[in-house]
Amino acid sequence: MKRDSVLSLIGIAKKAGKIAAGEFQTEHAVKAGKASLVIVSQEASENTKKKFRNMCAFYEVPVFFYGTKVELGAAIGCEFRASLAVVDEGLSKSIEKQIVSKRDGGYEYGENKSS
């Protein structure tokens, strides 16, 4: 089984203490200007996706919809997580690069870059 490079980088960020996990902490990191990247599970509710899409567009933080709740949770050592924020610029650029290369696009600032 091939290890997912995006989830591996998220795990590294967690071990470095550069992850804000969960809806409340993610929202707080974005509003405080600490978040460099937000990742929301593809399984998150439409309301949650819209909330983070709009908030990240307003605060100009890249947001991507990636993985399942269980995959995101496992990457950071939790049962499941619907959202997380990366608060390190270097790690967020690496994760963003991996997501974009995997799916040839993605969501950033609420816009679909692949179209």
Protein backbone atom coordinates (compact mmCIF):
# COMPACT_ATOMS: atom_id res chain seq x y z
CA MET A 1 0.00 0.00 0.00
CA LYS A 2 1.42 3.37 -1.03
CA ARG A 3 1.48 6.02 1.69
CA ASP A 4 -0.33 9.26 0.86
CA SER A 5 2.28 12.05 0.73
CA VAL A 6 -0.25 14.74 1.71
CA LEU A 7 -1.29 12.84 4.83
CA SER A 8 2.37 12.14 5.64
CA LEU A 9 3.17 15.86 5.49
CA ILE A 10 0.16 16.61 7.69
CA GLY A 11 1.52 14.09 10.21
CA ILE A 12 4.93 15.78 10.14
CA ALA A 13 3.26 19.17 10.71
CA LYS A 14 1.34 17.72 13.68
CA LYS A 15 4.53 16.32 15.23
CA ALA A 16 6.14 19.74 14.79
CA GLY A 17 3.19 21.34 16.59
CA LYS A 18 2.11 23.30 13.51
CA ILE A 19 -1.49 22.04 13.21
CA ALA A 20 -4.71 23.52 14.58
CA ALA A 21 -7.22 20.65 14.39
CA GLY A 22 -10.97 20.72 14.69
CA GLU A 23 -13.52 23.26 13.58
CA PHE A 24 -13.10 25.71 16.48
CA GLN A 25 -9.28 25.72 16.48
CA THR A 26 -9.16 25.97 12.69
CA GLU A 27 -11.54 28.93 12.72
CA HIS A 28 -9.52 30.61 15.48
CA ALA A 29 -6.22 30.13 13.60
CA VAL A 30 -7.68 31.64 10.42
CA LYS A 31 -9.21 34.65 12.20
CA ALA A 32 -6.03 35.24 14.22
CA GLY A 33 -3.98 35.32 11.02
CA LYS A 34 -1.91 32.28 12.01
CA ALA A 35 -3.22 29.80 9.42
CA SER A 36 -1.21 29.40 6.21
CA LEU A 37 -3.42 26.63 4.80
CA VAL A 38 -6.79 25.09 5.67
CA ILE A 39 -7.75 21.53 4.76
CA VAL A 40 -11.38 20.44 5.05
CA SER A 41 -12.50 16.84 4.61
CA GLN A 42 -14.42 16.01 1.45
CA GLU A 43 -16.95 14.31 3.77
CA ALA A 44 -17.64 17.52 5.72
CA SER A 45 -21.16 18.88 5.56
CA GLU A 46 -21.97 21.45 2.88
CA ASN A 47 -22.51 24.00 5.65
CA THR A 48 -18.99 23.41 7.01
CA LYS A 49 -17.47 23.55 3.54
CA LYS A 50 -19.27 26.82 2.79
CA LYS A 51 -18.25 28.29 6.15
CA PHE A 52 -14.55 27.60 5.57
CA ARG A 53 -14.68 28.52 1.87
CA ASN A 54 -16.13 31.95 2.71
CA MET A 55 -13.95 32.56 5.76
CA CYS A 56 -10.76 31.62 3.93
CA ALA A 57 -11.67 33.78 0.97
CA PHE A 58 -12.21 36.74 3.32
CA TYR A 59 -8.95 36.20 5.23
CA GLU A 60 -7.07 35.17 2.04
CA VAL A 61 -6.02 31.75 3.31
CA PRO A 62 -5.81 28.89 0.80
CA VAL A 63 -8.41 26.18 1.47
CA PHE A 64 -8.47 22.68 0.00
CA PHE A 65 -11.00 19.88 0.31
CA TYR A 66 -9.06 16.65 0.71
CA GLY A 67 -9.48 13.16 2.14
CA THR A 68 -11.99 11.65 4.51
CA LYS A 69 -12.57 12.60 8.13
CA VAL A 70 -10.94 9.34 9.24
CA GLU A 71 -7.88 9.88 7.00
CA LEU A 72 -7.33 13.44 8.28
CA GLY A 73 -7.81 12.29 11.86
CA ALA A 74 -5.44 9.35 11.49
CA ALA A 75 -2.78 11.63 9.98
CA ILE A 76 -2.75 13.72 13.17
CA GLY A 77 -3.31 10.88 15.63
CA CYS A 78 -7.02 11.41 16.31
CA GLU A 79 -10.14 9.38 15.59
CA PHE A 80 -11.47 11.78 12.95
CA ARG A 81 -11.27 15.45 11.98
CA ALA A 82 -13.35 17.43 9.49
CA SER A 83 -10.99 20.41 9.33
CA LEU A 84 -7.49 21.48 10.21
CA ALA A 85 -5.20 24.45 9.69
CA VAL A 86 -1.46 24.40 9.05
CA VAL A 87 0.22 27.31 10.86
CA ASP A 88 3.69 26.97 9.32
CA GLU A 89 4.34 28.70 5.98
CA GLY A 90 6.94 26.20 4.71
CA LEU A 91 4.92 23.10 5.57
CA SER A 92 1.76 24.62 4.13
CA LYS A 93 3.50 25.32 0.80
CA SER A 94 4.72 21.70 0.66
CA ILE A 95 1.27 20.31 1.45
CA GLU A 96 -0.40 22.64 -1.04
CA LYS A 97 2.07 21.61 -3.75
CA GLN A 98 1.34 17.92 -3.12
CA ILE A 99 -2.44 18.42 -3.21
CA VAL A 100 -2.28 20.41 -6.44
CA SER A 101 0.00 17.86 -8.11
CA LYS A 102 -2.25 14.96 -7.04
CA ARG A 103 -5.47 16.35 -8.40
CA ASP A 104 -4.23 18.86 -11.00
CA GLY A 105 -5.94 21.74 -9.29
CA GLY A 106 -7.97 22.31 -6.17
CA TYR A 107 -9.86 24.95 -4.29
CA GLU A 108 -8.12 28.10 -3.18
CA TYR A 109 -9.86 31.22 -1.93
CA GLY A 110 -13.18 29.61 -2.86
CA GLU A 111 -12.35 29.30 -6.55
CA ASN A 112 -11.79 26.10 -8.50
CA LYS A 113 -8.33 26.61 -10.01
CA SER A 114 -8.59 23.64 -12.36
CA SER A 115 -11.28 25.24 -14.51
